[in-house]
Each structure stands twice: as structure tokens, then as C-alpha cells.
């Protein structure tokens, strides 16, 4: 029997990262993804002042992304696996795919995870950005297969046909109900999601 978990009252809010070229990253996130600079300034750091730029796409959130100068030049491994932004529709995701291709935005990789379709693209400092849209079904993870986004008329049908052949395929609502139960959510919390 599973034990219901009482979770502290926190929700994910924002992400901060050290950068080499704060102006290039600011331009990338404001121009391509329409983040708004909400504040900027400096704070003292161990090796001198650090510049900070606060960015948001939500007027209820002062910042969702913080860029901070001072990323070491000699760092030979990027500890950031990915920064993910959820699209409001499959159409939005496909439009962004075309925009990225037109801008020559580095290696743009469309992938299906079975339960979501994603576009992976590096930002100017090589941080992997994932732009994704959740699909109305679930499949067991991890799963990643390249997908062709060029034929949008058949995209959803192709994604579903592929997902139906994968382990764990079921409606997302069913998977969500299972997770809500495992996470100890109340029926009121479940209704909100």
C-alpha cells in the first residue's frame, strides 16, 4: 500500500544560470522567445561585480529566467542539461520550428518523446533549449525518436500512430490521475490541473 505524501507548499518558479555573454543571451531570449527584461543590475561576487538580467513572459512572475555574468571560460562541461518551455499548441511549436530554421539557429532537432513533441536547439552559449508540446496520451519514458515536422497536416496522426505502438500507451488523463494519487494530491488539487 502506498503512503500518501504531504508536500510542502512550493511550486517551481524560475531558473538562473551563469553566462559568458549576457548581451547575446538577453537578445536570444527576448528576440526569439519574447521574454521581457523586468530588471537588471549588479551584485558583488567573489571575483568582482556580477551583472544580472531578469526575464519573464508572465506578468505575475517578476522573473522566470535570470542571466548572471561570470560563467568560467575554462568550464569544459555544461552542467545544464536543458531549459524547457512549454508551447500552448502544436501549431505554435511548428511555427517556432519554421522560425528557427529561417534564422539558421544552429542544430534544430525535432523529437517525439511519445507523450510530447519537442524541438531542441542550442542558445548562443550552447545551453540546450527544449520547446515542447504535451500530447494527449502517455507512454513510458525515456523515449526519443527524431520526427519530421514539415508535414503538419498529418503530424498529430503520425505522432499518435507511433505512440500507440510504445510501452505504457494510455490517455494522459489516466496517467495524470495515477500520478496525482501517488503524489497524495487531494481531489481539489486534482481538479485544478
C-alpha atoms as a PDB file:
ATOM      1  CA  UNK A   1       0.000   0.000   0.000  1.00  0.00           C
ATOM      2  CA  UNK A   2       1.324   3.425  -0.958  1.00  0.00           C
ATOM      3  CA  UNK A   3       1.714   6.131   1.640  1.00  0.00           C
ATOM      4  CA  UNK A   4       0.205   9.496   0.787  1.00  0.00           C
ATOM      5  CA  UNK A   5       2.821  12.213   0.787  1.00  0.00           C
ATOM      6  CA  UNK A   6       2.264  15.655   2.236  1.00  0.00           C
ATOM      7  CA  UNK A   7       4.148  18.070   0.025  1.00  0.00           C
ATOM      8  CA  UNK A   8       5.416  21.431   1.231  1.00  0.00           C
ATOM      9  CA  UNK A   9       3.634  24.381  -0.369  1.00  0.00           C
ATOM     10  CA  UNK A  10       6.090  25.088  -3.182  1.00  0.00           C
ATOM     11  CA  UNK A  11       5.785  25.260  -6.960  1.00  0.00           C
ATOM     12  CA  UNK A  12       8.562  25.704  -9.472  1.00  0.00           C
ATOM     13  CA  UNK A  13       9.082  29.381 -10.301  1.00  0.00           C
ATOM     14  CA  UNK A  14      12.314  30.320 -12.077  1.00  0.00           C
ATOM     15  CA  UNK A  15      15.775  29.335 -13.239  1.00  0.00           C
ATOM     16  CA  UNK A  16      19.073  31.223 -13.076  1.00  0.00           C
ATOM     17  CA  UNK A  17      22.271  30.491 -14.960  1.00  0.00           C
ATOM     18  CA  UNK A  18      25.777  31.877 -15.202  1.00  0.00           C
ATOM     19  CA  UNK A  19      26.657  33.069 -18.714  1.00  0.00           C
ATOM     20  CA  UNK A  20      29.698  34.263 -20.691  1.00  0.00           C
ATOM     21  CA  UNK A  21      27.993  36.866 -22.919  1.00  0.00           C
ATOM     22  CA  UNK A  22      24.987  38.294 -21.115  1.00  0.00           C
ATOM     23  CA  UNK A  23      24.040  40.617 -24.017  1.00  0.00           C
ATOM     24  CA  UNK A  24      23.930  37.737 -26.535  1.00  0.00           C
ATOM     25  CA  UNK A  25      21.790  35.608 -24.230  1.00  0.00           C
ATOM     26  CA  UNK A  26      19.473  38.540 -23.458  1.00  0.00           C
ATOM     27  CA  UNK A  27      18.996  39.146 -27.182  1.00  0.00           C
ATOM     28  CA  UNK A  28      18.329  35.449 -27.856  1.00  0.00           C
ATOM     29  CA  UNK A  29      15.661  35.061 -25.168  1.00  0.00           C
ATOM     30  CA  UNK A  30      13.967  38.431 -25.788  1.00  0.00           C
ATOM     31  CA  UNK A  31      14.001  38.379 -29.588  1.00  0.00           C
ATOM     32  CA  UNK A  32      13.284  34.729 -30.283  1.00  0.00           C
ATOM     33  CA  UNK A  33      11.081  33.767 -27.329  1.00  0.00           C
ATOM     34  CA  UNK A  34       9.640  37.186 -26.431  1.00  0.00           C
ATOM     35  CA  UNK A  35      10.864  37.265 -22.840  1.00  0.00           C
ATOM     36  CA  UNK A  36      10.691  40.757 -21.328  1.00  0.00           C
ATOM     37  CA  UNK A  37      13.519  42.250 -19.286  1.00  0.00           C
ATOM     38  CA  UNK A  38      11.903  43.048 -15.940  1.00  0.00           C
ATOM     39  CA  UNK A  39      15.030  44.289 -14.147  1.00  0.00           C
ATOM     40  CA  UNK A  40      18.798  44.429 -14.425  1.00  0.00           C
ATOM     41  CA  UNK A  41      21.651  45.386 -12.148  1.00  0.00           C
ATOM     42  CA  UNK A  42      24.790  44.237 -10.362  1.00  0.00           C
ATOM     43  CA  UNK A  43      25.614  42.317  -7.211  1.00  0.00           C
ATOM     44  CA  UNK A  44      29.037  41.765  -5.662  1.00  0.00           C
ATOM     45  CA  UNK A  45      30.665  38.429  -6.468  1.00  0.00           C
ATOM     46  CA  UNK A  46      33.798  36.637  -5.273  1.00  0.00           C
ATOM     47  CA  UNK A  47      35.770  37.931  -8.299  1.00  0.00           C
ATOM     48  CA  UNK A  48      34.123  41.331  -8.676  1.00  0.00           C
ATOM     49  CA  UNK A  49      30.638  42.554  -9.569  1.00  0.00           C
ATOM     50  CA  UNK A  50      28.223  40.263 -11.402  1.00  0.00           C
ATOM     51  CA  UNK A  51      25.696  41.606 -13.898  1.00  0.00           C
ATOM     52  CA  UNK A  52      22.162  40.220 -13.644  1.00  0.00           C
ATOM     53  CA  UNK A  53      19.311  40.390 -16.155  1.00  0.00           C
ATOM     54  CA  UNK A  54      15.846  39.245 -15.032  1.00  0.00           C
ATOM     55  CA  UNK A  55      13.484  37.949 -17.736  1.00  0.00           C
ATOM     56  CA  UNK A  56       9.843  36.893 -17.688  1.00  0.00           C
ATOM     57  CA  UNK A  57       6.951  36.007 -20.002  1.00  0.00           C
ATOM     58  CA  UNK A  58       4.369  36.207 -17.208  1.00  0.00           C
ATOM     59  CA  UNK A  59       3.325  39.482 -15.520  1.00  0.00           C
ATOM     60  CA  UNK A  60       2.662  37.539 -12.310  1.00  0.00           C
ATOM     61  CA  UNK A  61       6.295  36.363 -12.203  1.00  0.00           C
ATOM     62  CA  UNK A  62       8.981  39.030 -11.747  1.00  0.00           C
ATOM     63  CA  UNK A  63      11.421  36.629 -13.369  1.00  0.00           C
ATOM     64  CA  UNK A  64      11.322  33.165 -14.836  1.00  0.00           C
ATOM     65  CA  UNK A  65      14.906  33.266 -16.096  1.00  0.00           C
ATOM     66  CA  UNK A  66      17.903  35.073 -14.596  1.00  0.00           C
ATOM     67  CA  UNK A  67      21.104  35.587 -16.577  1.00  0.00           C
ATOM     68  CA  UNK A  68      24.194  36.142 -14.387  1.00  0.00           C
ATOM     69  CA  UNK A  69      27.642  37.076 -15.697  1.00  0.00           C
ATOM     70  CA  UNK A  70      30.684  35.152 -14.514  1.00  0.00           C
ATOM     71  CA  UNK A  71      30.471  31.727 -16.123  1.00  0.00           C
ATOM     72  CA  UNK A  72      34.041  30.392 -16.096  1.00  0.00           C
ATOM     73  CA  UNK A  73      35.696  30.309 -19.529  1.00  0.00           C
ATOM     74  CA  UNK A  74      37.585  27.090 -18.698  1.00  0.00           C
ATOM     75  CA  UNK A  75      34.446  25.102 -17.888  1.00  0.00           C
ATOM     76  CA  UNK A  76      34.693  22.106 -20.258  1.00  0.00           C
ATOM     77  CA  UNK A  77      31.310  20.598 -19.373  1.00  0.00           C
ATOM     78  CA  UNK A  78      27.935  22.323 -19.411  1.00  0.00           C
ATOM     79  CA  UNK A  79      26.024  21.153 -16.331  1.00  0.00           C
ATOM     80  CA  UNK A  80      22.743  22.470 -17.802  1.00  0.00           C
ATOM     81  CA  UNK A  81      21.016  19.548 -19.485  1.00  0.00           C
ATOM     82  CA  UNK A  82      18.159  21.618 -20.861  1.00  0.00           C
ATOM     83  CA  UNK A  83      15.910  24.613 -20.326  1.00  0.00           C
ATOM     84  CA  UNK A  84      12.350  23.712 -21.285  1.00  0.00           C
ATOM     85  CA  UNK A  85       9.472  25.919 -22.374  1.00  0.00           C
ATOM     86  CA  UNK A  86       6.009  24.501 -22.980  1.00  0.00           C
ATOM     87  CA  UNK A  87       4.133  25.603 -26.114  1.00  0.00           C
ATOM     88  CA  UNK A  88       0.424  26.410 -25.895  1.00  0.00           C
ATOM     89  CA  UNK A  89      -0.324  24.425 -29.075  1.00  0.00           C
ATOM     90  CA  UNK A  90       1.213  22.133 -31.649  1.00  0.00           C
ATOM     91  CA  UNK A  91       0.740  24.931 -34.187  1.00  0.00           C
ATOM     92  CA  UNK A  92       2.839  27.296 -32.029  1.00  0.00           C
ATOM     93  CA  UNK A  93       5.588  24.676 -31.843  1.00  0.00           C
ATOM     94  CA  UNK A  94       5.584  24.152 -35.625  1.00  0.00           C
ATOM     95  CA  UNK A  95       5.674  27.914 -36.281  1.00  0.00           C
ATOM     96  CA  UNK A  96       8.697  28.214 -33.979  1.00  0.00           C
ATOM     97  CA  UNK A  97      10.360  25.324 -35.827  1.00  0.00           C
ATOM     98  CA  UNK A  98       9.993  27.228 -39.101  1.00  0.00           C
ATOM     99  CA  UNK A  99      11.285  30.425 -37.432  1.00  0.00           C
ATOM    100  CA  UNK A 100      14.350  28.625 -36.074  1.00  0.00           C
ATOM    101  CA  UNK A 101      15.080  27.113 -39.476  1.00  0.00           C
ATOM    102  CA  UNK A 102      14.719  30.510 -41.190  1.00  0.00           C
ATOM    103  CA  UNK A 103      17.104  32.111 -38.661  1.00  0.00           C
ATOM    104  CA  UNK A 104      19.705  29.363 -39.048  1.00  0.00           C
ATOM    105  CA  UNK A 105      19.616  28.846 -35.284  1.00  0.00           C
ATOM    106  CA  UNK A 106      22.205  26.085 -35.023  1.00  0.00           C
ATOM    107  CA  UNK A 107      21.268  22.433 -34.937  1.00  0.00           C
ATOM    108  CA  UNK A 108      17.468  22.309 -34.649  1.00  0.00           C
ATOM    109  CA  UNK A 109      16.314  18.801 -33.736  1.00  0.00           C
ATOM    110  CA  UNK A 110      12.605  17.838 -33.670  1.00  0.00           C
ATOM    111  CA  UNK A 111      11.992  14.788 -31.479  1.00  0.00           C
ATOM    112  CA  UNK A 112       8.959  12.838 -30.315  1.00  0.00           C
ATOM    113  CA  UNK A 113       9.030  11.518 -26.766  1.00  0.00           C
ATOM    114  CA  UNK A 114       5.778   9.676 -27.418  1.00  0.00           C
ATOM    115  CA  UNK A 115       3.940  11.768 -24.830  1.00  0.00           C
ATOM    116  CA  UNK A 116       5.258  15.098 -26.130  1.00  0.00           C
ATOM    117  CA  UNK A 117       6.846  16.536 -29.253  1.00  0.00           C
ATOM    118  CA  UNK A 118       9.941  18.701 -28.762  1.00  0.00           C
ATOM    119  CA  UNK A 119      12.328  20.920 -30.642  1.00  0.00           C
ATOM    120  CA  UNK A 120      15.857  21.016 -29.254  1.00  0.00           C
ATOM    121  CA  UNK A 121      18.077  23.964 -30.190  1.00  0.00           C
ATOM    122  CA  UNK A 122      21.185  25.464 -28.572  1.00  0.00           C
ATOM    123  CA  UNK A 123      21.155  29.043 -27.308  1.00  0.00           C
ATOM    124  CA  UNK A 124      24.168  31.231 -28.199  1.00  0.00           C
ATOM    125  CA  UNK A 125      26.275  29.663 -25.412  1.00  0.00           C
ATOM    126  CA  UNK A 126      25.338  26.093 -26.224  1.00  0.00           C
ATOM    127  CA  UNK A 127      22.753  25.612 -23.465  1.00  0.00           C
ATOM    128  CA  UNK A 128      20.189  23.163 -24.803  1.00  0.00           C
ATOM    129  CA  UNK A 129      16.740  24.696 -25.102  1.00  0.00           C
ATOM    130  CA  UNK A 130      13.709  22.399 -25.357  1.00  0.00           C
ATOM    131  CA  UNK A 131      10.492  23.823 -26.768  1.00  0.00           C
ATOM    132  CA  UNK A 132       7.734  21.248 -26.410  1.00  0.00           C
ATOM    133  CA  UNK A 133       4.038  20.475 -26.572  1.00  0.00           C
ATOM    134  CA  UNK A 134       2.380  17.774 -24.444  1.00  0.00           C
ATOM    135  CA  UNK A 135       0.347  15.239 -26.389  1.00  0.00           C
ATOM    136  CA  UNK A 136      -2.996  13.906 -25.064  1.00  0.00           C
ATOM    137  CA  UNK A 137      -1.535  10.493 -24.257  1.00  0.00           C
ATOM    138  CA  UNK A 138       1.267   8.997 -22.179  1.00  0.00           C
ATOM    139  CA  UNK A 139       3.971   6.435 -22.991  1.00  0.00           C
ATOM    140  CA  UNK A 140       6.691   5.039 -20.738  1.00  0.00           C
ATOM    141  CA  UNK A 141       9.849   7.149 -20.555  1.00  0.00           C
ATOM    142  CA  UNK A 142      12.575   7.663 -21.556  1.00  0.00           C
ATOM    143  CA  UNK A 143      11.843   7.605 -25.290  1.00  0.00           C
ATOM    144  CA  UNK A 144      13.194   9.871 -28.032  1.00  0.00           C
ATOM    145  CA  UNK A 145      12.900   9.454 -31.801  1.00  0.00           C
ATOM    146  CA  UNK A 146      13.537  12.087 -34.493  1.00  0.00           C
ATOM    147  CA  UNK A 147      10.332  13.332 -36.149  1.00  0.00           C
ATOM    148  CA  UNK A 148       9.604  15.250 -39.346  1.00  0.00           C
ATOM    149  CA  UNK A 149       7.660  18.437 -38.542  1.00  0.00           C
ATOM    150  CA  UNK A 150       7.397  19.579 -42.163  1.00  0.00           C
ATOM    151  CA  UNK A 151       4.085  17.814 -42.929  1.00  0.00           C
ATOM    152  CA  UNK A 152       1.856  19.483 -40.346  1.00  0.00           C
ATOM    153  CA  UNK A 153      -1.377  18.182 -41.894  1.00  0.00           C
ATOM    154  CA  UNK A 154      -0.591  14.618 -40.810  1.00  0.00           C
ATOM    155  CA  UNK A 155       1.646  15.349 -37.802  1.00  0.00           C
ATOM    156  CA  UNK A 156      -0.785  14.565 -34.988  1.00  0.00           C
ATOM    157  CA  UNK A 157      -1.944  11.335 -36.671  1.00  0.00           C
ATOM    158  CA  UNK A 158       1.681  10.230 -37.217  1.00  0.00           C
ATOM    159  CA  UNK A 159       2.580  11.024 -33.604  1.00  0.00           C
ATOM    160  CA  UNK A 160      -0.384   9.063 -32.260  1.00  0.00           C
ATOM    161  CA  UNK A 161       0.210   6.073 -34.557  1.00  0.00           C
ATOM    162  CA  UNK A 162       3.815   5.932 -33.358  1.00  0.00           C
ATOM    163  CA  UNK A 163       2.864   6.321 -29.679  1.00  0.00           C
ATOM    164  CA  UNK A 164       0.213   3.576 -29.804  1.00  0.00           C
ATOM    165  CA  UNK A 165       2.970   1.045 -30.501  1.00  0.00           C
ATOM    166  CA  UNK A 166       5.041   2.070 -27.454  1.00  0.00           C
ATOM    167  CA  UNK A 167       5.008   0.580 -23.932  1.00  0.00           C
ATOM    168  CA  UNK A 168       2.640   2.197 -21.447  1.00  0.00           C
ATOM    169  CA  UNK A 169       0.411   3.939 -24.019  1.00  0.00           C
ATOM    170  CA  UNK A 170      -2.720   5.334 -22.355  1.00  0.00           C
ATOM    171  CA  UNK A 171      -4.666   8.606 -22.191  1.00  0.00           C
ATOM    172  CA  UNK A 172      -2.769  11.408 -20.429  1.00  0.00           C
ATOM    173  CA  UNK A 173      -5.758  11.928 -18.099  1.00  0.00           C
ATOM    174  CA  UNK A 174      -5.417   8.341 -16.869  1.00  0.00           C
ATOM    175  CA  UNK A 175      -1.674   8.737 -16.306  1.00  0.00           C
ATOM    176  CA  UNK A 176      -2.252  12.060 -14.523  1.00  0.00           C
ATOM    177  CA  UNK A 177      -4.852  10.526 -12.191  1.00  0.00           C
ATOM    178  CA  UNK A 178      -2.370   7.765 -11.295  1.00  0.00           C
ATOM    179  CA  UNK A 179       0.356  10.344 -10.557  1.00  0.00           C
ATOM    180  CA  UNK A 180      -1.992  12.553  -8.512  1.00  0.00           C
ATOM    181  CA  UNK A 181      -2.885   9.522  -6.388  1.00  0.00           C
ATOM    182  CA  UNK A 182       0.789   8.561  -5.962  1.00  0.00           C
ATOM    183  CA  UNK A 183       1.686  12.153  -5.059  1.00  0.00           C
ATOM    184  CA  UNK A 184      -1.059  12.327  -2.450  1.00  0.00           C
ATOM    185  CA  UNK A 185      -2.983  15.134  -4.115  1.00  0.00           C
ATOM    186  CA  UNK A 186      -6.428  15.910  -2.802  1.00  0.00           C
ATOM    187  CA  UNK A 187      -9.415  15.878  -5.150  1.00  0.00           C
ATOM    188  CA  UNK A 188      -9.436  19.721  -5.021  1.00  0.00           C
ATOM    189  CA  UNK A 189      -5.780  19.864  -6.184  1.00  0.00           C
ATOM    190  CA  UNK A 190      -6.589  17.307  -8.864  1.00  0.00           C
ATOM    191  CA  UNK A 191      -9.434  19.438 -10.213  1.00  0.00           C
ATOM    192  CA  UNK A 192      -7.098  22.423 -10.591  1.00  0.00           C
ATOM    193  CA  UNK A 193      -4.740  20.623 -13.008  1.00  0.00           C
END
